[in-house]
Amino acid sequence: MPADFQSTPFRTNADRSRNFEVGVLPYLDAAYNLARWLARDDMDAQDVVQEAMLRAFRYFDSFHGTDARVWLLAIVRNTFYSLRAKTSPVGMHESFDDDVHTVADEQPSPEARMMLATDVGSLQKALEKLPHPLREVIILRELEECSYKEIASITGQKIGTVMSRLARARERLKTELTQQPSEARRHDVQ
């Protein structure tokens, strides 16, 4: 976090705006990245980030924490889900059952598999296929490099839930990435 950022009461609107710019705006790219992966669409992600930034600015006086990045990512996540609830038909919500999506085997990690035989395109396609709860934890952990504690804070989940969802997300990615068409596998081997 920049050194001159202060989460103290503001004397003027100019102080408030300056502190917001210094403390929150550096994380705009991270906010867009999370919104893009949740929304799966550039235009929707832009709308989510715009609304999230408005909410962050509106409630900036209530921020008394030390990590503006985690605070902003939580706002982005909550904004996405609240906008999605307003616009999505009831039948469009993905179902997610913790009991059904369990880790089945103890083979090499998805990271090791990805390093062996994947390209960015197939990884993006595999990420797109994950249900929202799994996609958001893996994006926050692997792309945004958030700690388990930060992810738990952003998502409002317990650390154990974050860890189990991350394990299931990695397992699903591994499954998606190893079930490529035979032509792609032959190409990767040669």
C-alpha atoms as a PDB file:
ATOM      1  CA  MET A   1       0.000   0.000   0.000  1.00  0.00           C
ATOM      2  CA  PRO A   2       1.364   3.467  -0.788  1.00  0.00           C
ATOM      3  CA  ALA A   3       3.057   5.173   2.131  1.00  0.00           C
ATOM      4  CA  ASP A   4       0.926   8.318   2.198  1.00  0.00           C
ATOM      5  CA  PHE A   5      -2.408   6.488   2.319  1.00  0.00           C
ATOM      6  CA  GLN A   6      -4.378   7.227   5.475  1.00  0.00           C
ATOM      7  CA  SER A   7      -7.609   5.599   6.556  1.00  0.00           C
ATOM      8  CA  THR A   8      -8.388   8.465   8.914  1.00  0.00           C
ATOM      9  CA  PRO A   9     -11.277  10.939   8.925  1.00  0.00           C
ATOM     10  CA  PHE A  10     -11.020  13.465   6.095  1.00  0.00           C
ATOM     11  CA  ARG A  11     -11.033  17.209   6.557  1.00  0.00           C
ATOM     12  CA  THR A  12     -12.159  18.007   3.015  1.00  0.00           C
ATOM     13  CA  ASN A  13     -13.571  16.263  -0.015  1.00  0.00           C
ATOM     14  CA  ALA A  14     -10.208  16.835  -1.703  1.00  0.00           C
ATOM     15  CA  ASP A  15      -8.469  14.884   1.097  1.00  0.00           C
ATOM     16  CA  ARG A  16     -11.015  12.097   0.718  1.00  0.00           C
ATOM     17  CA  SER A  17     -10.578  11.959  -3.060  1.00  0.00           C
ATOM     18  CA  ARG A  18      -6.788  12.021  -2.808  1.00  0.00           C
ATOM     19  CA  ASN A  19      -6.758   9.217  -0.220  1.00  0.00           C
ATOM     20  CA  PHE A  20      -9.125   7.158  -2.372  1.00  0.00           C
ATOM     21  CA  GLU A  21      -6.895   7.641  -5.421  1.00  0.00           C
ATOM     22  CA  VAL A  22      -3.753   6.710  -3.491  1.00  0.00           C
ATOM     23  CA  GLY A  23      -5.211   3.839  -1.482  1.00  0.00           C
ATOM     24  CA  VAL A  24      -7.738   2.172  -3.782  1.00  0.00           C
ATOM     25  CA  LEU A  25      -7.091   3.052  -7.432  1.00  0.00           C
ATOM     26  CA  PRO A  26      -3.820   1.083  -7.634  1.00  0.00           C
ATOM     27  CA  TYR A  27      -5.971  -2.063  -7.334  1.00  0.00           C
ATOM     28  CA  LEU A  28      -8.243  -1.229 -10.262  1.00  0.00           C
ATOM     29  CA  ASP A  29      -6.585  -3.861 -12.487  1.00  0.00           C
ATOM     30  CA  ALA A  30      -7.072  -6.551  -9.846  1.00  0.00           C
ATOM     31  CA  ALA A  31     -10.716  -5.489  -9.516  1.00  0.00           C
ATOM     32  CA  TYR A  32     -11.253  -5.761 -13.268  1.00  0.00           C
ATOM     33  CA  ASN A  33      -9.470  -9.126 -13.429  1.00  0.00           C
ATOM     34  CA  LEU A  34     -11.745 -10.613 -10.760  1.00  0.00           C
ATOM     35  CA  ALA A  35     -14.855  -9.081 -12.341  1.00  0.00           C
ATOM     36  CA  ARG A  36     -13.862 -10.408 -15.778  1.00  0.00           C
ATOM     37  CA  TRP A  37     -13.503 -13.954 -14.526  1.00  0.00           C
ATOM     38  CA  LEU A  38     -16.736 -13.824 -12.564  1.00  0.00           C
ATOM     39  CA  ALA A  39     -18.792 -12.184 -15.310  1.00  0.00           C
ATOM     40  CA  ARG A  40     -17.148 -14.019 -18.250  1.00  0.00           C
ATOM     41  CA  ASP A  41     -17.706 -10.936 -20.401  1.00  0.00           C
ATOM     42  CA  ASP A  42     -15.652  -7.760 -20.882  1.00  0.00           C
ATOM     43  CA  MET A  43     -18.615  -5.390 -20.980  1.00  0.00           C
ATOM     44  CA  ASP A  44     -20.286  -6.939 -17.925  1.00  0.00           C
ATOM     45  CA  ALA A  45     -16.957  -6.836 -16.076  1.00  0.00           C
ATOM     46  CA  GLN A  46     -16.619  -3.140 -16.860  1.00  0.00           C
ATOM     47  CA  ASP A  47     -20.117  -2.531 -15.506  1.00  0.00           C
ATOM     48  CA  VAL A  48     -19.312  -4.494 -12.339  1.00  0.00           C
ATOM     49  CA  VAL A  49     -16.072  -2.586 -11.769  1.00  0.00           C
ATOM     50  CA  GLN A  50     -17.730   0.763 -12.408  1.00  0.00           C
ATOM     51  CA  GLU A  51     -20.494   0.005  -9.922  1.00  0.00           C
ATOM     52  CA  ALA A  52     -17.989  -1.418  -7.412  1.00  0.00           C
ATOM     53  CA  MET A  53     -15.786   1.674  -7.633  1.00  0.00           C
ATOM     54  CA  LEU A  54     -18.819   3.899  -7.073  1.00  0.00           C
ATOM     55  CA  ARG A  55     -19.736   1.839  -4.015  1.00  0.00           C
ATOM     56  CA  ALA A  56     -16.148   1.878  -2.770  1.00  0.00           C
ATOM     57  CA  PHE A  57     -15.972   5.654  -3.098  1.00  0.00           C
ATOM     58  CA  ARG A  58     -19.393   6.120  -1.517  1.00  0.00           C
ATOM     59  CA  TYR A  59     -18.416   4.016   1.520  1.00  0.00           C
ATOM     60  CA  PHE A  60     -14.745   4.961   1.668  1.00  0.00           C
ATOM     61  CA  ASP A  61     -15.302   6.811   4.953  1.00  0.00           C
ATOM     62  CA  SER A  62     -16.234   3.479   6.556  1.00  0.00           C
ATOM     63  CA  PHE A  63     -12.960   1.801   5.510  1.00  0.00           C
ATOM     64  CA  HIS A  64     -10.760   1.532   8.574  1.00  0.00           C
ATOM     65  CA  GLY A  65      -8.733  -1.498   7.598  1.00  0.00           C
ATOM     66  CA  THR A  66      -5.179  -1.873   6.472  1.00  0.00           C
ATOM     67  CA  ASP A  67      -5.633  -3.699   3.165  1.00  0.00           C
ATOM     68  CA  ALA A  68      -7.566  -1.698   0.590  1.00  0.00           C
ATOM     69  CA  ARG A  69      -6.997  -4.428  -2.045  1.00  0.00           C
ATOM     70  CA  VAL A  70      -8.915  -7.042  -0.058  1.00  0.00           C
ATOM     71  CA  TRP A  71     -11.616  -4.489   0.773  1.00  0.00           C
ATOM     72  CA  LEU A  72     -12.010  -3.535  -2.908  1.00  0.00           C
ATOM     73  CA  LEU A  73     -12.031  -7.148  -4.157  1.00  0.00           C
ATOM     74  CA  ALA A  74     -14.755  -7.973  -1.635  1.00  0.00           C
ATOM     75  CA  ILE A  75     -16.804  -5.058  -2.970  1.00  0.00           C
ATOM     76  CA  VAL A  76     -16.257  -6.239  -6.568  1.00  0.00           C
ATOM     77  CA  ARG A  77     -17.351  -9.762  -5.674  1.00  0.00           C
ATOM     78  CA  ASN A  78     -20.439  -8.575  -3.793  1.00  0.00           C
ATOM     79  CA  THR A  79     -21.314  -6.143  -6.581  1.00  0.00           C
ATOM     80  CA  PHE A  80     -21.106  -8.911  -9.170  1.00  0.00           C
ATOM     81  CA  TYR A  81     -23.402 -11.201  -7.205  1.00  0.00           C
ATOM     82  CA  SER A  82     -25.918  -8.447  -6.409  1.00  0.00           C
ATOM     83  CA  LEU A  83     -26.060  -7.317 -10.056  1.00  0.00           C
ATOM     84  CA  ARG A  84     -26.294 -10.929 -11.201  1.00  0.00           C
ATOM     85  CA  ALA A  85     -29.198 -11.591  -8.830  1.00  0.00           C
ATOM     86  CA  LYS A  86     -31.076  -8.598 -10.265  1.00  0.00           C
ATOM     87  CA  THR A  87     -30.587  -9.560 -13.914  1.00  0.00           C
ATOM     88  CA  SER A  88     -30.441 -13.369 -13.995  1.00  0.00           C
ATOM     89  CA  PRO A  89     -33.527 -15.496 -14.349  1.00  0.00           C
ATOM     90  CA  VAL A  90     -33.964 -17.984 -11.512  1.00  0.00           C
ATOM     91  CA  GLY A  91     -33.104 -20.972 -13.724  1.00  0.00           C
ATOM     92  CA  MET A  92     -29.813 -19.455 -14.867  1.00  0.00           C
ATOM     93  CA  HIS A  93     -28.007 -19.882 -11.538  1.00  0.00           C
ATOM     94  CA  GLU A  94     -25.402 -22.626 -11.507  1.00  0.00           C
ATOM     95  CA  SER A  95     -25.947 -25.303  -8.921  1.00  0.00           C
ATOM     96  CA  PHE A  96     -23.087 -26.224  -6.643  1.00  0.00           C
ATOM     97  CA  ASP A  97     -23.098 -29.097  -4.206  1.00  0.00           C
ATOM     98  CA  ASP A  98     -20.109 -29.457  -1.856  1.00  0.00           C
ATOM     99  CA  ASP A  99     -20.783 -33.191  -1.435  1.00  0.00           C
ATOM    100  CA  VAL A 100     -20.826 -33.886  -5.185  1.00  0.00           C
ATOM    101  CA  HIS A 101     -17.645 -31.940  -5.954  1.00  0.00           C
ATOM    102  CA  THR A 102     -15.126 -33.768  -3.801  1.00  0.00           C
ATOM    103  CA  VAL A 103     -11.485 -34.492  -4.506  1.00  0.00           C
ATOM    104  CA  ALA A 104     -11.266 -38.063  -5.815  1.00  0.00           C
ATOM    105  CA  ASP A 105      -7.614 -39.018  -6.285  1.00  0.00           C
ATOM    106  CA  GLU A 106      -4.094 -38.110  -5.244  1.00  0.00           C
ATOM    107  CA  GLN A 107      -2.393 -37.688  -8.633  1.00  0.00           C
ATOM    108  CA  PRO A 108       0.000 -34.833  -9.480  1.00  0.00           C
ATOM    109  CA  SER A 109      -1.257 -31.334  -8.802  1.00  0.00           C
ATOM    110  CA  PRO A 110      -3.011 -29.330 -11.515  1.00  0.00           C
ATOM    111  CA  GLU A 111      -0.093 -26.923 -11.512  1.00  0.00           C
ATOM    112  CA  ALA A 112       2.273 -29.745 -12.506  1.00  0.00           C
ATOM    113  CA  ARG A 113      -0.129 -30.922 -15.215  1.00  0.00           C
ATOM    114  CA  MET A 114      -0.600 -27.408 -16.561  1.00  0.00           C
ATOM    115  CA  MET A 115       3.145 -26.879 -16.815  1.00  0.00           C
ATOM    116  CA  LEU A 116       3.474 -30.095 -18.833  1.00  0.00           C
ATOM    117  CA  ALA A 117       0.847 -29.780 -21.519  1.00  0.00           C
ATOM    118  CA  THR A 118      -1.377 -26.714 -21.597  1.00  0.00           C
ATOM    119  CA  ASP A 119      -1.498 -23.399 -23.284  1.00  0.00           C
ATOM    120  CA  VAL A 120      -3.236 -20.247 -22.168  1.00  0.00           C
ATOM    121  CA  GLY A 121      -6.279 -20.841 -24.366  1.00  0.00           C
ATOM    122  CA  SER A 122      -7.078 -24.262 -22.961  1.00  0.00           C
ATOM    123  CA  LEU A 123      -6.543 -22.994 -19.420  1.00  0.00           C
ATOM    124  CA  GLN A 124      -8.961 -20.119 -20.005  1.00  0.00           C
ATOM    125  CA  LYS A 125     -11.546 -22.512 -21.433  1.00  0.00           C
ATOM    126  CA  ALA A 126     -11.134 -24.801 -18.414  1.00  0.00           C
ATOM    127  CA  LEU A 127     -11.522 -21.871 -16.015  1.00  0.00           C
ATOM    128  CA  GLU A 128     -14.672 -20.767 -17.849  1.00  0.00           C
ATOM    129  CA  LYS A 129     -16.236 -24.179 -17.197  1.00  0.00           C
ATOM    130  CA  LEU A 130     -15.819 -23.970 -13.409  1.00  0.00           C
ATOM    131  CA  PRO A 131     -18.844 -23.012 -11.293  1.00  0.00           C
ATOM    132  CA  HIS A 132     -18.599 -19.503  -9.808  1.00  0.00           C
ATOM    133  CA  PRO A 133     -17.649 -20.596  -6.257  1.00  0.00           C
ATOM    134  CA  LEU A 134     -14.712 -22.622  -7.575  1.00  0.00           C
ATOM    135  CA  ARG A 135     -13.671 -20.101 -10.215  1.00  0.00           C
ATOM    136  CA  GLU A 136     -13.548 -17.182  -7.816  1.00  0.00           C
ATOM    137  CA  VAL A 137     -11.312 -18.928  -5.270  1.00  0.00           C
ATOM    138  CA  ILE A 138      -8.838 -20.134  -7.874  1.00  0.00           C
ATOM    139  CA  ILE A 139      -8.716 -16.712  -9.546  1.00  0.00           C
ATOM    140  CA  LEU A 140      -8.166 -14.992  -6.205  1.00  0.00           C
ATOM    141  CA  ARG A 141      -5.482 -17.480  -5.151  1.00  0.00           C
ATOM    142  CA  GLU A 142      -3.581 -18.155  -8.365  1.00  0.00           C
ATOM    143  CA  LEU A 143      -4.042 -14.980 -10.409  1.00  0.00           C
ATOM    144  CA  GLU A 144      -4.459 -12.335  -7.710  1.00  0.00           C
ATOM    145  CA  GLU A 145      -2.134 -14.165  -5.280  1.00  0.00           C
ATOM    146  CA  CYS A 146      -4.418 -13.646  -2.290  1.00  0.00           C
ATOM    147  CA  SER A 147      -3.738 -15.622   0.867  1.00  0.00           C
ATOM    148  CA  TYR A 148      -6.317 -18.075   2.198  1.00  0.00           C
ATOM    149  CA  LYS A 149      -7.153 -15.549   4.929  1.00  0.00           C
ATOM    150  CA  GLU A 150      -7.660 -12.772   2.356  1.00  0.00           C
ATOM    151  CA  ILE A 151      -9.868 -15.016   0.208  1.00  0.00           C
ATOM    152  CA  ALA A 152     -11.927 -15.919   3.272  1.00  0.00           C
ATOM    153  CA  SER A 153     -12.325 -12.213   4.023  1.00  0.00           C
ATOM    154  CA  ILE A 154     -13.276 -11.361   0.430  1.00  0.00           C
ATOM    155  CA  THR A 155     -15.780 -14.208   0.014  1.00  0.00           C
ATOM    156  CA  GLY A 156     -17.140 -14.273   3.548  1.00  0.00           C
ATOM    157  CA  GLN A 157     -16.308 -17.973   3.846  1.00  0.00           C
ATOM    158  CA  LYS A 158     -14.350 -19.885   6.487  1.00  0.00           C
ATOM    159  CA  ILE A 159     -10.714 -20.663   5.666  1.00  0.00           C
ATOM    160  CA  GLY A 160     -11.513 -24.390   5.617  1.00  0.00           C
ATOM    161  CA  THR A 161     -14.212 -23.805   3.010  1.00  0.00           C
ATOM    162  CA  VAL A 162     -11.792 -21.729   0.951  1.00  0.00           C
ATOM    163  CA  MET A 163      -9.187 -24.483   1.111  1.00  0.00           C
ATOM    164  CA  SER A 164     -11.616 -27.238   0.140  1.00  0.00           C
ATOM    165  CA  ARG A 165     -13.065 -25.209  -2.728  1.00  0.00           C
ATOM    166  CA  LEU A 166      -9.570 -24.446  -3.946  1.00  0.00           C
ATOM    167  CA  ALA A 167      -8.714 -28.156  -3.883  1.00  0.00           C
ATOM    168  CA  ARG A 168     -11.900 -28.973  -5.814  1.00  0.00           C
ATOM    169  CA  ALA A 169     -11.209 -26.184  -8.311  1.00  0.00           C
ATOM    170  CA  ARG A 170      -7.717 -27.528  -8.933  1.00  0.00           C
ATOM    171  CA  GLU A 171      -9.081 -31.041  -9.334  1.00  0.00           C
ATOM    172  CA  ARG A 172     -11.716 -29.871 -11.824  1.00  0.00           C
ATOM    173  CA  LEU A 173      -9.067 -27.938 -13.762  1.00  0.00           C
ATOM    174  CA  LYS A 174      -6.888 -31.011 -13.870  1.00  0.00           C
ATOM    175  CA  THR A 175      -9.776 -33.075 -15.191  1.00  0.00           C
ATOM    176  CA  GLU A 176     -10.664 -30.483 -17.831  1.00  0.00           C
ATOM    177  CA  LEU A 177      -7.073 -30.080 -18.957  1.00  0.00           C
ATOM    178  CA  THR A 178      -6.334 -33.799 -19.219  1.00  0.00           C
ATOM    179  CA  GLN A 179      -9.452 -34.541 -21.273  1.00  0.00           C
ATOM    180  CA  GLN A 180      -8.218 -32.721 -24.361  1.00  0.00           C
ATOM    181  CA  PRO A 181      -8.971 -34.154 -27.815  1.00  0.00           C
ATOM    182  CA  SER A 182      -6.503 -36.784 -28.990  1.00  0.00           C
ATOM    183  CA  GLU A 183      -5.129 -34.515 -31.761  1.00  0.00           C
ATOM    184  CA  ALA A 184      -4.131 -31.920 -29.186  1.00  0.00           C
ATOM    185  CA  ARG A 185      -2.452 -34.575 -27.034  1.00  0.00           C
ATOM    186  CA  ARG A 186      -0.516 -35.917 -30.027  1.00  0.00           C
ATOM    187  CA  HIS A 187       0.562 -32.384 -30.864  1.00  0.00           C
ATOM    188  CA  ASP A 188       1.708 -31.765 -27.259  1.00  0.00           C
ATOM    189  CA  VAL A 189       3.822 -34.944 -27.222  1.00  0.00           C
ATOM    190  CA  GLN A 190       5.704 -34.303 -30.460  1.00  0.00           C
END
